[in-house]
Amino acid sequence: TALQILPDFKAQGLANTAWAMAKLMADHEGRSEHRLLDHIAHEVARNAKDFTPQGLANIGWAFATLAMRHEALMDAVAK
């Protein structure tokens, strides 16, 4: 499943996946995907140093669009 391979994603893959999930969920009001985004947030927080500024901006946009708050992610992005 996506959750099992998420730790293998590179920074750009995590950023693109979060953006795409936010776009889809905003368009369709789906909420079951929040679990995937929680896992993405965890991986981003662990590997924030590997992200470009654009990747971090995409992650921030995705979570803001979905009104999702993840403290560890925001702390990592702020550094």
C-alpha atoms as a PDB file:
ATOM      1  CA  THR A   1       0.000   0.000   0.000  1.00  0.00           C
ATOM      2  CA  ALA A   2       1.010   3.636  -0.244  1.00  0.00           C
ATOM      3  CA  LEU A   3       1.552   3.793   3.512  1.00  0.00           C
ATOM      4  CA  GLN A   4       4.074   0.970   3.368  1.00  0.00           C
ATOM      5  CA  ILE A   5       6.214   2.550   0.655  1.00  0.00           C
ATOM      6  CA  LEU A   6       5.952   6.134   1.907  1.00  0.00           C
ATOM      7  CA  PRO A   7       9.294   5.994   3.769  1.00  0.00           C
ATOM      8  CA  ASP A   8      10.944   5.242   0.403  1.00  0.00           C
ATOM      9  CA  PHE A   9       9.596   8.415  -1.233  1.00  0.00           C
ATOM     10  CA  LYS A  10      12.061  11.182  -1.955  1.00  0.00           C
ATOM     11  CA  ALA A  11      11.281  14.763  -0.934  1.00  0.00           C
ATOM     12  CA  GLN A  12       9.767  15.726  -4.301  1.00  0.00           C
ATOM     13  CA  GLY A  13       7.527  12.644  -4.285  1.00  0.00           C
ATOM     14  CA  LEU A  14       6.172  13.488  -0.833  1.00  0.00           C
ATOM     15  CA  ALA A  15       5.541  17.106  -1.814  1.00  0.00           C
ATOM     16  CA  ASN A  16       3.789  16.117  -5.044  1.00  0.00           C
ATOM     17  CA  THR A  17       1.677  13.483  -3.304  1.00  0.00           C
ATOM     18  CA  ALA A  18       0.554  15.892  -0.574  1.00  0.00           C
ATOM     19  CA  TRP A  19      -0.333  18.538  -3.171  1.00  0.00           C
ATOM     20  CA  ALA A  20      -2.275  16.044  -5.293  1.00  0.00           C
ATOM     21  CA  MET A  21      -4.152  14.668  -2.294  1.00  0.00           C
ATOM     22  CA  ALA A  22      -5.129  18.182  -1.212  1.00  0.00           C
ATOM     23  CA  LYS A  23      -6.318  19.024  -4.717  1.00  0.00           C
ATOM     24  CA  LEU A  24      -8.395  15.866  -4.941  1.00  0.00           C
ATOM     25  CA  MET A  25      -9.815  16.151  -1.451  1.00  0.00           C
ATOM     26  CA  ALA A  26     -10.676  19.824  -1.856  1.00  0.00           C
ATOM     27  CA  ASP A  27     -12.537  18.998  -5.055  1.00  0.00           C
ATOM     28  CA  HIS A  28     -14.389  15.950  -3.699  1.00  0.00           C
ATOM     29  CA  GLU A  29     -14.705  16.518   0.051  1.00  0.00           C
ATOM     30  CA  GLY A  30     -13.062  13.117   0.742  1.00  0.00           C
ATOM     31  CA  ARG A  31     -11.708  12.592   4.223  1.00  0.00           C
ATOM     32  CA  SER A  32     -10.483   8.976   4.269  1.00  0.00           C
ATOM     33  CA  GLU A  33      -7.196  10.156   2.786  1.00  0.00           C
ATOM     34  CA  HIS A  34      -6.291  12.031   5.980  1.00  0.00           C
ATOM     35  CA  ARG A  35      -4.437   8.946   7.185  1.00  0.00           C
ATOM     36  CA  LEU A  36      -2.116   9.107   4.177  1.00  0.00           C
ATOM     37  CA  LEU A  37      -1.525  12.820   4.738  1.00  0.00           C
ATOM     38  CA  ASP A  38      -0.751  12.190   8.422  1.00  0.00           C
ATOM     39  CA  HIS A  39       1.910   9.722   7.336  1.00  0.00           C
ATOM     40  CA  ILE A  40       3.238  12.141   4.728  1.00  0.00           C
ATOM     41  CA  ALA A  41       3.518  14.807   7.446  1.00  0.00           C
ATOM     42  CA  HIS A  42       5.515  12.408   9.593  1.00  0.00           C
ATOM     43  CA  GLU A  43       7.918  11.622   6.732  1.00  0.00           C
ATOM     44  CA  VAL A  44       8.308  15.294   5.823  1.00  0.00           C
ATOM     45  CA  ALA A  45       9.029  16.179   9.448  1.00  0.00           C
ATOM     46  CA  ARG A  46      11.708  13.471   9.571  1.00  0.00           C
ATOM     47  CA  ASN A  47      13.314  14.583   6.304  1.00  0.00           C
ATOM     48  CA  ALA A  48      12.557  18.316   6.012  1.00  0.00           C
ATOM     49  CA  LYS A  49      16.209  19.096   5.278  1.00  0.00           C
ATOM     50  CA  ASP A  50      15.906  17.195   1.986  1.00  0.00           C
ATOM     51  CA  PHE A  51      13.151  19.457   0.625  1.00  0.00           C
ATOM     52  CA  THR A  52      13.484  22.431  -1.666  1.00  0.00           C
ATOM     53  CA  PRO A  53      11.725  25.632  -0.614  1.00  0.00           C
ATOM     54  CA  GLN A  54       9.139  24.926  -3.350  1.00  0.00           C
ATOM     55  CA  GLY A  55       8.506  21.431  -1.985  1.00  0.00           C
ATOM     56  CA  LEU A  56       7.969  22.790   1.525  1.00  0.00           C
ATOM     57  CA  ALA A  57       5.661  25.465   0.123  1.00  0.00           C
ATOM     58  CA  ASN A  58       3.627  22.783  -1.672  1.00  0.00           C
ATOM     59  CA  ILE A  59       3.355  20.776   1.537  1.00  0.00           C
ATOM     60  CA  GLY A  60       2.265  23.874   3.442  1.00  0.00           C
ATOM     61  CA  TRP A  61      -0.331  24.708   0.786  1.00  0.00           C
ATOM     62  CA  ALA A  62      -1.705  21.170   0.859  1.00  0.00           C
ATOM     63  CA  PHE A  63      -2.195  21.128   4.609  1.00  0.00           C
ATOM     64  CA  ALA A  64      -3.583  24.684   4.684  1.00  0.00           C
ATOM     65  CA  THR A  65      -6.021  23.897   1.873  1.00  0.00           C
ATOM     66  CA  LEU A  66      -7.367  20.974   3.864  1.00  0.00           C
ATOM     67  CA  ALA A  67      -7.329  22.884   7.155  1.00  0.00           C
ATOM     68  CA  MET A  68      -5.126  20.146   8.581  1.00  0.00           C
ATOM     69  CA  ARG A  69      -2.741  20.987  11.383  1.00  0.00           C
ATOM     70  CA  HIS A  70       0.272  18.811  12.141  1.00  0.00           C
ATOM     71  CA  GLU A  71       2.582  20.291  14.795  1.00  0.00           C
ATOM     72  CA  ALA A  72       5.695  18.231  13.987  1.00  0.00           C
ATOM     73  CA  LEU A  73       5.373  19.095  10.305  1.00  0.00           C
ATOM     74  CA  MET A  74       4.952  22.820  10.965  1.00  0.00           C
ATOM     75  CA  ASP A  75       7.905  22.816  13.380  1.00  0.00           C
ATOM     76  CA  ALA A  76      10.106  21.102  10.785  1.00  0.00           C
ATOM     77  CA  VAL A  77       9.021  23.443   7.987  1.00  0.00           C
ATOM     78  CA  ALA A  78       9.649  26.501  10.166  1.00  0.00           C
ATOM     79  CA  LYS A  79      13.311  25.548  10.755  1.00  0.00           C
END
